[in-house]
Amino acid sequence: MPDCDDADGAAYADAVSEYAALGWDELREAARAVMAVTSGRG
């Protein structure tokens, strides 16, 4: 996981705000989507 110091400040703040507004089910689906896109990397 990248350190928040490595992220664009405005983009990071937007993401925090967006994900903080999600309910548990929506957050779970968002996590699944991220994992599907990033699986196999690293």
C-alpha atoms as a PDB file:
ATOM      1  CA  MET A   1       0.000   0.000   0.000  1.00  0.00           C
ATOM      2  CA  PRO A   2       1.491   3.374  -0.950  1.00  0.00           C
ATOM      3  CA  ASP A   3       2.199   5.914   1.721  1.00  0.00           C
ATOM      4  CA  CYS A   4      -0.207   8.866   1.609  1.00  0.00           C
ATOM      5  CA  ASP A   5       2.843  11.110   1.154  1.00  0.00           C
ATOM      6  CA  ASP A   6       3.292   9.464  -2.260  1.00  0.00           C
ATOM      7  CA  ALA A   7      -0.244  10.331  -3.401  1.00  0.00           C
ATOM      8  CA  ASP A   8      -1.491  13.525  -4.969  1.00  0.00           C
ATOM      9  CA  GLY A   9      -2.972  15.422  -2.018  1.00  0.00           C
ATOM     10  CA  ALA A  10      -6.236  16.466  -3.680  1.00  0.00           C
ATOM     11  CA  ALA A  11      -6.823  13.033  -5.231  1.00  0.00           C
ATOM     12  CA  TYR A  12      -6.145  11.346  -1.893  1.00  0.00           C
ATOM     13  CA  ALA A  13      -8.569  13.655  -0.073  1.00  0.00           C
ATOM     14  CA  ASP A  14     -11.233  13.015  -2.730  1.00  0.00           C
ATOM     15  CA  ALA A  15     -10.798   9.252  -2.404  1.00  0.00           C
ATOM     16  CA  VAL A  16     -11.001   9.384   1.394  1.00  0.00           C
ATOM     17  CA  SER A  17     -14.172  11.439   1.169  1.00  0.00           C
ATOM     18  CA  GLU A  18     -15.719   9.166  -1.444  1.00  0.00           C
ATOM     19  CA  TYR A  19     -14.987   5.916   0.384  1.00  0.00           C
ATOM     20  CA  ALA A  20     -15.973   7.347   3.783  1.00  0.00           C
ATOM     21  CA  ALA A  21     -19.464   8.013   2.419  1.00  0.00           C
ATOM     22  CA  LEU A  22     -20.005   4.373   1.371  1.00  0.00           C
ATOM     23  CA  GLY A  23     -22.002   1.836   3.337  1.00  0.00           C
ATOM     24  CA  TRP A  24     -20.532  -1.570   4.172  1.00  0.00           C
ATOM     25  CA  ASP A  25     -21.988  -3.292   1.096  1.00  0.00           C
ATOM     26  CA  GLU A  26     -20.841  -0.518  -1.234  1.00  0.00           C
ATOM     27  CA  LEU A  27     -17.396  -0.474   0.365  1.00  0.00           C
ATOM     28  CA  ARG A  28     -17.105  -4.245  -0.056  1.00  0.00           C
ATOM     29  CA  GLU A  29     -17.990  -3.964  -3.752  1.00  0.00           C
ATOM     30  CA  ALA A  30     -15.483  -1.132  -4.226  1.00  0.00           C
ATOM     31  CA  ALA A  31     -12.773  -3.250  -2.576  1.00  0.00           C
ATOM     32  CA  ARG A  32     -13.614  -6.183  -4.844  1.00  0.00           C
ATOM     33  CA  ALA A  33     -13.375  -3.933  -7.900  1.00  0.00           C
ATOM     34  CA  VAL A  34      -9.953  -2.636  -6.835  1.00  0.00           C
ATOM     35  CA  MET A  35      -8.727  -6.146  -6.133  1.00  0.00           C
ATOM     36  CA  ALA A  36      -9.944  -7.362  -9.527  1.00  0.00           C
ATOM     37  CA  VAL A  37      -8.050  -4.583 -11.302  1.00  0.00           C
ATOM     38  CA  THR A  38      -4.858  -4.958  -9.290  1.00  0.00           C
ATOM     39  CA  SER A  39      -4.670  -8.750  -8.894  1.00  0.00           C
ATOM     40  CA  GLY A  40      -1.513 -10.182 -10.329  1.00  0.00           C
ATOM     41  CA  ARG A  41       0.458  -6.984  -9.778  1.00  0.00           C
ATOM     42  CA  GLY A  42       3.319  -6.632  -7.389  1.00  0.00           C
END
